[in-house]
Amino acid sequence: MMVVDLNSDLSKKVIAWRRDFHQYPETGFLEMRTASIVASILDELGFDLTMGKSVMSDNHCMGKPDTEATKKHYLWAIENGAKKDYVANFSDGYTGIVATLDTGIEGPTTAYRFDMDALDIHESELDSHFPKQEGFRSKLPHKMHACGHDAHTAIGLGLATVIASNKEALKGKIKLIFQPAEEGTRGAKSMASAGIVDDVDYFIASHVGTGVPHQHFVASNNGFLATSKLDITFKGKASHAGAQPEEGNNALLAAANAALNIHAIARNSKGISRINVGELHAGSGRNIIADYAFLKAETRGENSEVNQYIKNQLESIIAGAAQMYQVDYQIDTVGEALSSQGSKELAVILKGCAEESAMLNETALESNDAAGSEDATYFMERVKQNGGLATYCIFGTDLPAGHHNEQFDINEETMLAAVDVLFKSALKLNSL
């Protein structure tokens, strides 16, 4: 059986891809430049591509930018290096890609998920910041790859390169899923609802960092919390606060009352929970009864049942506050993720692959520590419901600052280790 030759040429390619994506960060459902480059490389490698609306359910694209913002970014992408033969597939903001390699030999279908989106963060301009030292700092103000998705996309392309070069060593099908809008947990539900993993026997999502040390590996990260991201609008009636205060319906007070009571939601005995109101915007002047207020809130739960409990309580509080101040309200779910436990059988196989890698020093089967949230859980649950196995693994790396920090960066050696382990898993799984 052939094994991957992790030569210096591949290393240079993966690093170059990552640094290019890092300079041109694109946020959720706007990854047009990124997706066009990814598609062009995968097409050249011989993968069959399905893209855009064909791999995304329009009904589940939560928090998608409006038409004007999407069109504006499409023009920006064209002007900044998007591949013209491919970018039109993503012009409407449906930026998902599924690349399939069919070996023509009977065998299982194995899928790997890679997210592509960036964050609304202004990247550090300090001379000590490695991307600035090496000339690949973000070219866009207030946009940055501060979570490693640039590396994930490069890892996916590295894996694609090795798979294409070693097709004769594989059986069955390999699917590479390049997902938009993981930040805010918005993109995976759309792709999972489109049925792209319904034929998958083995599903593997991965992430770099998350506090795991460099050259360490976790085969199954089970600590992700279920979550809902909510935009809440109160609409009241304005009036002069001095002349006719009784004629107004105060949306600001409704929002303030709701915010305080949301943070007082009772806990649930079935698991840990989180709640946060992160933004509140209201009013138009000191002497005007506020006719408008807007909240951004999120719920989280150790499992989907707890999260739904917290969400239901929040919705009751919003309705009560609106009634109290005689204002209208609207709640929009703009992001959501499930909880999910990795399949231990698959984690054991993945751990074995990691133990064979010369690029890793230590491996762990699983971690159950409470973490943030991840919408790859939609893929995981869909695959498991259909009888397949799924896991979410972590490749440790050096972090000069934490995720979602302006000084975030990674040790680029981690990317090649990830390609190595993931390709070993493809060899192993597609021989079962």
Protein backbone atom coordinates (compact mmCIF):
# COMPACT_ATOMS: atom_id res chain seq x y z
CA MET A 1 0.00 0.00 0.00
CA MET A 2 1.31 3.40 -0.94
CA VAL A 3 1.86 5.99 1.74
CA VAL A 4 1.98 9.74 1.45
CA ASP A 5 5.27 11.37 0.57
CA LEU A 6 5.16 14.59 2.54
CA ASN A 7 7.86 16.27 0.50
CA SER A 8 9.00 19.83 0.65
CA ASP A 9 7.03 20.78 -2.48
CA LEU A 10 3.75 19.87 -0.81
CA SER A 11 4.78 21.72 2.33
CA LYS A 12 5.51 24.84 0.30
CA LYS A 13 2.16 24.58 -1.49
CA VAL A 14 0.14 24.21 1.69
CA ILE A 15 1.89 27.13 3.36
CA ALA A 16 1.49 29.30 0.24
CA TRP A 17 -2.23 28.52 0.07
CA ARG A 18 -2.71 29.33 3.73
CA ARG A 19 -0.85 32.63 3.46
CA ASP A 20 -2.80 33.66 0.39
CA PHE A 21 -6.15 32.97 2.07
CA HIS A 22 -4.90 34.75 5.18
CA GLN A 23 -4.29 37.96 3.22
CA TYR A 24 -7.79 37.94 1.74
CA PRO A 25 -10.13 36.96 4.60
CA GLU A 26 -13.80 36.57 3.71
CA THR A 27 -16.61 36.25 6.22
CA GLY A 28 -19.56 33.87 6.18
CA PHE A 29 -21.38 33.32 2.85
CA LEU A 30 -18.97 35.76 1.17
CA GLU A 31 -16.06 33.33 0.67
CA MET A 32 -16.22 33.87 -3.10
CA ARG A 33 -12.53 34.47 -3.82
CA THR A 34 -11.54 31.62 -1.51
CA ALA A 35 -14.10 29.20 -2.94
CA SER A 36 -13.18 30.01 -6.54
CA ILE A 37 -9.50 29.26 -5.87
CA VAL A 38 -10.38 26.07 -3.99
CA ALA A 39 -12.65 24.93 -6.84
CA SER A 40 -10.01 25.62 -9.49
CA ILE A 41 -7.39 23.55 -7.67
CA LEU A 42 -9.78 20.66 -6.97
CA ASP A 43 -10.94 20.65 -10.60
CA GLU A 44 -7.35 20.50 -11.82
CA LEU A 45 -6.70 17.57 -9.46
CA GLY A 46 -9.53 15.61 -11.08
CA PHE A 47 -12.25 15.82 -8.42
CA ASP A 48 -15.90 16.02 -9.47
CA LEU A 49 -17.33 19.28 -8.17
CA THR A 50 -20.75 20.35 -7.01
CA MET A 51 -20.96 23.95 -5.87
CA GLY A 52 -23.15 26.78 -4.70
CA LYS A 53 -26.90 26.27 -4.43
CA SER A 54 -26.64 22.62 -5.47
CA VAL A 55 -24.97 21.79 -2.13
CA MET A 56 -26.81 24.25 0.12
CA SER A 57 -30.42 24.47 1.27
CA ASP A 58 -31.65 28.03 0.87
CA ASN A 59 -34.14 27.54 3.71
CA HIS A 60 -31.31 27.01 6.22
CA CYS A 61 -28.81 29.76 5.31
CA MET A 62 -28.97 31.55 8.65
CA GLY A 63 -27.57 35.07 8.91
CA LYS A 64 -26.79 35.36 5.21
CA PRO A 65 -25.75 38.88 4.08
CA ASP A 66 -28.31 40.83 2.06
CA THR A 67 -28.29 41.10 -1.73
CA GLU A 68 -26.52 44.46 -1.83
CA ALA A 69 -23.64 43.31 0.40
CA THR A 70 -23.33 40.09 -1.58
CA LYS A 71 -23.14 41.86 -4.95
CA LYS A 72 -20.60 44.34 -3.61
CA HIS A 73 -18.37 41.56 -2.34
CA TYR A 74 -18.66 39.64 -5.61
CA LEU A 75 -17.17 42.62 -7.44
CA TRP A 76 -14.44 42.85 -4.80
CA ALA A 77 -13.61 39.16 -5.25
CA ILE A 78 -13.25 39.55 -9.00
CA GLU A 79 -10.92 42.51 -8.51
CA ASN A 80 -8.81 40.66 -5.93
CA GLY A 81 -7.77 37.41 -7.53
CA ALA A 82 -10.89 35.25 -7.73
CA LYS A 83 -10.73 32.60 -10.45
CA LYS A 84 -13.04 33.92 -13.16
CA ASP A 85 -13.97 30.49 -14.52
CA TYR A 86 -15.38 29.48 -11.12
CA VAL A 87 -16.40 32.56 -9.11
CA ALA A 88 -19.79 32.94 -10.83
CA ASN A 89 -20.88 29.72 -9.09
CA PHE A 90 -20.71 31.63 -5.80
CA SER A 91 -22.03 35.05 -6.85
CA ASP A 92 -25.25 34.70 -4.84
CA GLY A 93 -23.37 33.93 -1.62
CA TYR A 94 -23.89 30.18 -1.67
CA THR A 95 -20.21 29.38 -1.31
CA GLY A 96 -20.14 25.69 -0.38
CA ILE A 97 -18.17 23.10 -2.36
CA VAL A 98 -18.31 19.31 -2.36
CA ALA A 99 -15.43 17.63 -4.21
CA THR A 100 -15.77 13.90 -4.85
CA LEU A 101 -13.19 11.41 -6.00
CA ASP A 102 -14.70 8.08 -7.04
CA THR A 103 -12.06 5.37 -7.27
CA GLY A 104 -14.39 3.13 -9.26
CA ILE A 105 -13.71 0.33 -6.79
CA GLU A 106 -16.42 -0.77 -4.39
CA GLY A 107 -15.87 0.62 -0.92
CA PRO A 108 -17.12 3.08 1.69
CA THR A 109 -17.64 6.83 1.33
CA THR A 110 -15.46 8.94 3.60
CA ALA A 111 -16.02 12.68 4.02
CA TYR A 112 -13.78 15.41 5.43
CA ARG A 113 -15.07 18.88 6.37
CA PHE A 114 -13.00 22.08 6.07
CA ASP A 115 -14.36 25.55 6.92
CA MET A 116 -13.30 28.64 4.99
CA ASP A 117 -14.63 31.80 6.67
CA ALA A 118 -12.89 34.58 8.58
CA LEU A 119 -13.91 37.00 11.34
CA ASP A 120 -14.69 40.70 11.73
CA ILE A 121 -11.45 41.41 13.63
CA HIS A 122 -8.72 43.92 12.80
CA GLU A 123 -5.44 41.98 12.60
CA SER A 124 -2.56 43.06 14.80
CA GLU A 125 -0.11 45.53 13.27
CA LEU A 126 2.64 44.80 15.81
CA ASP A 127 6.06 44.09 14.33
CA SER A 128 6.23 40.95 16.49
CA HIS A 129 3.17 39.46 14.75
CA PHE A 130 4.45 36.70 12.46
CA PRO A 131 2.07 37.33 9.52
CA LYS A 132 3.25 40.96 9.46
CA GLN A 133 6.91 39.91 9.66
CA GLU A 134 6.46 37.54 6.71
CA GLY A 135 4.26 39.86 4.66
CA PHE A 136 0.96 37.97 4.70
CA ARG A 137 -1.04 40.02 7.20
CA SER A 138 -4.67 40.65 6.22
CA LYS A 139 -5.04 43.25 3.49
CA LEU A 140 -8.53 44.12 4.72
CA PRO A 141 -9.21 46.33 7.74
CA HIS A 142 -11.39 44.70 10.37
CA LYS A 143 -11.29 41.29 8.63
CA MET A 144 -8.99 38.52 9.77
CA HIS A 145 -8.47 34.77 9.84
CA ALA A 146 -8.33 34.64 13.64
CA CYS A 147 -9.48 31.06 14.11
CA GLY A 148 -7.37 29.03 11.68
CA HIS A 149 -9.88 28.48 8.88
CA ASP A 150 -7.27 29.65 6.36
CA ALA A 151 -5.16 26.72 7.58
CA HIS A 152 -8.12 24.35 7.42
CA THR A 153 -8.76 25.26 3.79
CA ALA A 154 -5.09 24.76 2.95
CA ILE A 155 -5.10 21.39 4.77
CA GLY A 156 -8.09 20.36 2.66
CA LEU A 157 -6.25 21.24 -0.53
CA GLY A 158 -3.15 19.43 0.70
CA LEU A 159 -5.24 16.33 1.42
CA ALA A 160 -6.84 16.60 -2.02
CA THR A 161 -3.39 16.77 -3.63
CA VAL A 162 -2.16 13.63 -1.89
CA ILE A 163 -5.39 11.72 -2.53
CA ALA A 164 -5.28 12.55 -6.24
CA SER A 165 -1.65 11.37 -6.42
CA ASN A 166 -2.44 8.08 -4.68
CA LYS A 167 -5.86 7.23 -6.10
CA GLU A 168 -4.81 3.66 -6.89
CA ALA A 169 -4.27 2.98 -3.18
CA LEU A 170 -7.90 3.79 -2.33
CA LYS A 171 -11.32 2.23 -2.67
CA GLY A 172 -14.80 3.70 -2.57
CA LYS A 173 -15.36 7.45 -2.60
CA ILE A 174 -13.72 10.42 -0.91
CA LYS A 175 -15.71 13.59 -0.34
CA LEU A 176 -14.05 16.86 0.60
CA ILE A 177 -16.53 19.41 1.97
CA PHE A 178 -15.49 23.05 1.96
CA GLN A 179 -18.02 24.83 4.16
CA PRO A 180 -18.88 28.52 4.48
CA ALA A 181 -19.97 30.40 7.59
CA GLU A 182 -18.84 28.22 10.47
CA GLU A 183 -18.40 31.35 12.58
CA GLY A 184 -21.76 32.05 14.14
CA THR A 185 -22.64 28.39 13.43
CA ARG A 186 -24.48 29.21 10.20
CA GLY A 187 -23.22 27.17 7.26
CA ALA A 188 -23.27 23.46 8.10
CA LYS A 189 -27.03 23.16 8.65
CA SER A 190 -27.60 24.42 5.13
CA MET A 191 -25.24 21.86 3.59
CA ALA A 192 -26.39 18.98 5.78
CA SER A 193 -30.02 19.78 4.94
CA ALA A 194 -29.11 19.57 1.25
CA GLY A 195 -28.25 15.89 1.82
CA ILE A 196 -24.57 16.05 0.95
CA VAL A 197 -23.56 13.56 3.67
CA ASP A 198 -26.52 11.19 3.37
CA ASP A 199 -24.36 8.60 1.58
CA VAL A 200 -21.37 8.99 3.94
CA ASP A 201 -20.08 6.05 5.99
CA TYR A 202 -17.29 7.93 7.79
CA PHE A 203 -17.24 11.66 8.54
CA ILE A 204 -14.27 13.56 9.97
CA ALA A 205 -14.15 17.25 10.85
CA SER A 206 -10.98 18.80 12.23
CA HIS A 207 -9.59 21.98 13.78
CA VAL A 208 -6.16 23.35 14.60
CA GLY A 209 -5.33 24.73 18.02
CA THR A 210 -8.14 25.10 20.60
CA GLY A 211 -5.52 24.94 23.37
CA VAL A 212 -4.15 21.52 22.43
CA PRO A 213 -0.30 21.64 22.50
CA HIS A 214 1.79 21.52 19.34
CA GLN A 215 2.35 17.99 17.97
CA HIS A 216 -0.50 16.65 20.13
CA PHE A 217 -3.66 15.15 18.69
CA VAL A 218 -7.18 14.52 20.02
CA ALA A 219 -9.17 11.98 17.99
CA SER A 220 -12.62 12.94 19.32
CA ASN A 221 -13.47 16.32 20.80
CA ASN A 222 -16.85 15.90 22.49
CA GLY A 223 -17.14 19.13 24.44
CA PHE A 224 -18.99 21.28 21.93
CA LEU A 225 -22.13 22.93 23.29
CA ALA A 226 -25.40 23.16 21.40
CA THR A 227 -26.16 26.80 20.65
CA SER A 228 -28.62 29.28 19.14
CA LYS A 229 -27.63 32.74 17.91
CA LEU A 230 -30.56 35.16 18.11
CA ASP A 231 -31.27 38.65 16.77
CA ILE A 232 -34.13 40.28 18.69
CA THR A 233 -35.96 43.42 17.58
CA PHE A 234 -38.43 45.49 19.62
CA LYS A 235 -40.60 48.05 17.81
CA GLY A 236 -42.50 50.64 19.85
CA LYS A 237 -43.80 54.16 19.33
CA ALA A 238 -41.79 57.36 19.60
CA SER A 239 -42.98 60.48 21.38
CA HIS A 240 -41.52 63.53 23.10
CA ALA A 241 -40.31 62.54 26.57
CA GLY A 242 -41.15 65.95 28.03
CA ALA A 243 -44.35 66.89 26.23
CA GLN A 244 -46.25 63.61 25.70
CA PRO A 245 -44.39 60.73 27.39
CA GLU A 246 -47.63 58.80 27.86
CA GLU A 247 -48.09 58.52 24.10
CA GLY A 248 -44.91 56.53 23.58
CA ASN A 249 -44.23 52.81 23.80
CA ASN A 250 -40.67 52.40 25.02
CA ALA A 251 -38.74 49.74 23.09
CA LEU A 252 -35.54 50.56 25.00
CA LEU A 253 -37.10 49.69 28.35
CA ALA A 254 -38.54 46.49 26.92
CA ALA A 255 -35.08 45.49 25.68
CA ALA A 256 -33.40 46.43 28.98
CA ASN A 257 -35.97 44.47 30.95
CA ALA A 258 -35.51 41.49 28.65
CA ALA A 259 -31.70 41.62 28.85
CA LEU A 260 -31.71 41.56 32.64
CA ASN A 261 -34.21 38.73 32.88
CA ILE A 262 -32.54 36.65 30.20
CA HIS A 263 -29.45 36.54 32.40
CA ALA A 264 -31.64 35.33 35.26
CA ILE A 265 -32.92 32.21 33.47
CA ALA A 266 -32.91 29.26 35.86
CA ARG A 267 -30.35 26.52 35.25
CA ASN A 268 -31.29 23.02 34.08
CA SER A 269 -30.40 19.81 35.92
CA LYS A 270 -29.76 17.92 32.68
CA GLY A 271 -26.56 19.75 31.81
CA ILE A 272 -24.54 22.95 31.88
CA SER A 273 -25.89 26.01 30.12
CA ARG A 274 -24.76 29.43 28.98
CA ILE A 275 -26.62 32.63 28.14
CA ASN A 276 -25.35 35.99 26.96
CA VAL A 277 -26.74 39.23 25.63
CA GLY A 278 -23.75 40.63 23.77
CA GLU A 279 -25.20 43.75 22.15
CA LEU A 280 -28.04 46.19 22.83
CA HIS A 281 -28.74 49.16 20.55
CA ALA A 282 -31.73 51.43 21.14
CA GLY A 283 -33.18 54.92 20.89
CA SER A 284 -32.47 58.05 18.89
CA GLY A 285 -32.21 60.90 21.40
CA ARG A 286 -32.23 61.76 25.10
CA ASN A 287 -35.64 63.40 24.93
CA ILE A 288 -37.35 60.81 22.71
CA ILE A 289 -39.20 57.72 23.86
CA ALA A 290 -37.29 54.98 22.05
CA ASP A 291 -39.34 53.32 19.32
CA TYR A 292 -36.67 50.78 18.39
CA ALA A 293 -34.28 48.41 20.17
CA PHE A 294 -32.10 45.58 18.96
CA LEU A 295 -30.41 42.78 20.91
CA LYS A 296 -27.90 40.13 19.95
CA ALA A 297 -28.02 37.11 22.24
CA GLU A 298 -26.88 33.53 22.31
CA THR A 299 -27.86 30.41 24.21
CA ARG A 300 -25.73 27.32 24.77
CA GLY A 301 -26.34 23.95 26.36
CA GLU A 302 -24.35 20.83 27.17
CA ASN A 303 -26.81 19.02 24.94
CA SER A 304 -29.47 20.08 22.48
CA GLU A 305 -32.26 19.54 25.03
CA VAL A 306 -30.71 21.98 27.50
CA ASN A 307 -30.09 24.53 24.78
CA GLN A 308 -33.71 24.30 23.64
CA TYR A 309 -34.85 24.81 27.24
CA ILE A 310 -32.77 28.00 27.52
CA LYS A 311 -34.00 29.21 24.12
CA ASN A 312 -37.65 28.61 25.10
CA GLN A 313 -37.17 30.55 28.33
CA LEU A 314 -35.56 33.42 26.43
CA GLU A 315 -38.45 33.55 23.97
CA SER A 316 -40.94 33.72 26.86
CA ILE A 317 -39.01 36.59 28.44
CA ILE A 318 -38.94 38.52 25.15
CA ALA A 319 -42.69 38.07 24.70
CA GLY A 320 -43.34 39.14 28.28
CA ALA A 321 -41.18 42.25 28.03
CA ALA A 322 -42.90 43.23 24.78
CA GLN A 323 -46.32 42.84 26.36
CA MET A 324 -45.27 44.77 29.46
CA TYR A 325 -44.26 47.82 27.41
CA GLN A 326 -46.85 47.32 24.66
CA VAL A 327 -44.34 46.97 21.85
CA ASP A 328 -43.97 44.48 19.01
CA TYR A 329 -41.07 42.07 18.77
CA GLN A 330 -39.34 39.69 16.39
CA ILE A 331 -36.82 36.93 17.08
CA ASP A 332 -34.60 35.70 14.24
CA THR A 333 -32.39 32.63 14.61
CA VAL A 334 -29.22 33.58 12.70
CA GLY A 335 -27.05 30.65 13.77
CA GLU A 336 -27.45 27.27 15.41
CA ALA A 337 -25.54 24.12 16.24
CA LEU A 338 -26.27 20.79 17.90
CA SER A 339 -24.35 18.89 20.51
CA SER A 340 -22.78 15.66 19.29
CA GLN A 341 -20.65 12.85 20.66
CA GLY A 342 -18.00 11.39 18.37
CA SER A 343 -18.18 7.74 17.36
CA LYS A 344 -15.64 5.93 19.53
CA GLU A 345 -14.99 3.26 16.89
CA LEU A 346 -13.91 5.92 14.40
CA ALA A 347 -11.89 7.81 17.02
CA VAL A 348 -9.92 4.64 17.79
CA ILE A 349 -9.02 4.27 14.10
CA LEU A 350 -8.05 7.93 13.83
CA LYS A 351 -5.92 7.74 16.96
CA GLY A 352 -4.08 4.77 15.45
CA CYS A 353 -3.38 6.79 12.30
CA ALA A 354 -2.01 9.65 14.41
CA GLU A 355 0.23 7.29 16.35
CA GLU A 356 1.79 6.22 13.03
CA SER A 357 2.64 9.82 12.11
CA ALA A 358 6.22 10.94 12.68
CA MET A 359 4.90 14.49 12.96
CA LEU A 360 3.04 13.96 16.22
CA ASN A 361 4.40 13.21 19.69
CA GLU A 362 1.29 12.51 21.72
CA THR A 363 -2.25 11.36 21.00
CA ALA A 364 -5.46 11.19 23.03
CA LEU A 365 -8.60 9.24 22.22
CA GLU A 366 -11.07 11.87 23.38
CA SER A 367 -11.69 15.07 25.28
CA ASN A 368 -14.96 15.79 27.03
CA ASP A 369 -14.07 19.22 28.40
CA ALA A 370 -16.70 21.91 27.80
CA ALA A 371 -15.78 23.96 24.76
CA GLY A 372 -17.43 26.48 22.46
CA SER A 373 -19.83 25.44 19.74
CA GLU A 374 -19.34 23.95 16.26
CA ASP A 375 -21.85 23.48 13.48
CA ALA A 376 -20.03 20.46 12.05
CA THR A 377 -22.25 18.69 14.58
CA TYR A 378 -25.07 18.91 12.01
CA PHE A 379 -23.00 16.73 9.67
CA MET A 380 -22.04 14.41 12.50
CA GLU A 381 -25.59 13.83 13.66
CA ARG A 382 -26.88 13.34 10.11
CA VAL A 383 -24.21 10.73 9.35
CA LYS A 384 -24.80 8.88 12.63
CA GLN A 385 -28.57 8.89 12.11
CA ASN A 386 -27.98 7.18 8.77
CA GLY A 387 -25.84 4.48 10.39
CA GLY A 388 -22.41 5.98 9.74
CA LEU A 389 -19.59 7.00 12.10
CA ALA A 390 -18.44 10.56 12.78
CA THR A 391 -15.84 12.39 14.82
CA TYR A 392 -14.27 15.80 15.30
CA CYS A 393 -10.51 15.80 15.83
CA ILE A 394 -8.03 18.43 16.98
CA PHE A 395 -4.48 19.04 15.74
CA GLY A 396 -2.59 20.94 18.41
CA THR A 397 -0.44 23.90 17.51
CA ASP A 398 1.54 26.77 19.02
CA LEU A 399 -0.70 29.80 19.60
CA PRO A 400 0.81 33.22 20.35
CA ALA A 401 -2.73 34.31 21.25
CA GLY A 402 -6.08 32.60 21.62
CA HIS A 403 -8.69 32.07 18.95
CA HIS A 404 -10.63 35.19 17.88
CA ASN A 405 -7.74 37.39 19.03
CA GLU A 406 -6.06 40.01 16.83
CA GLN A 407 -2.67 38.32 17.36
CA PHE A 408 -3.86 34.80 16.54
CA ASP A 409 -1.48 32.70 14.47
CA ILE A 410 -0.43 29.05 14.18
CA ASN A 411 2.69 26.96 13.77
CA GLU A 412 2.47 26.13 10.07
CA GLU A 413 4.08 22.71 10.62
CA THR A 414 0.71 21.65 12.04
CA MET A 415 -0.88 21.75 8.59
CA LEU A 416 1.39 19.06 7.17
CA ALA A 417 0.81 16.87 10.22
CA ALA A 418 -2.92 17.20 9.59
CA VAL A 419 -2.56 16.23 5.93
CA ASP A 420 -0.49 13.22 6.97
CA VAL A 421 -2.99 11.92 9.53
CA LEU A 422 -6.06 12.58 7.43
CA PHE A 423 -4.57 10.81 4.43
CA LYS A 424 -3.59 7.87 6.62
CA SER A 425 -7.21 7.73 7.78
CA ALA A 426 -8.41 7.70 4.16
CA LEU A 427 -6.14 4.77 3.42
CA LYS A 428 -7.30 2.92 6.52
CA LEU A 429 -11.03 3.62 6.26
CA ASN A 430 -11.30 2.95 2.56
CA SER A 431 -9.66 -0.43 2.99
CA LEU A 432 -12.21 -1.63 5.55
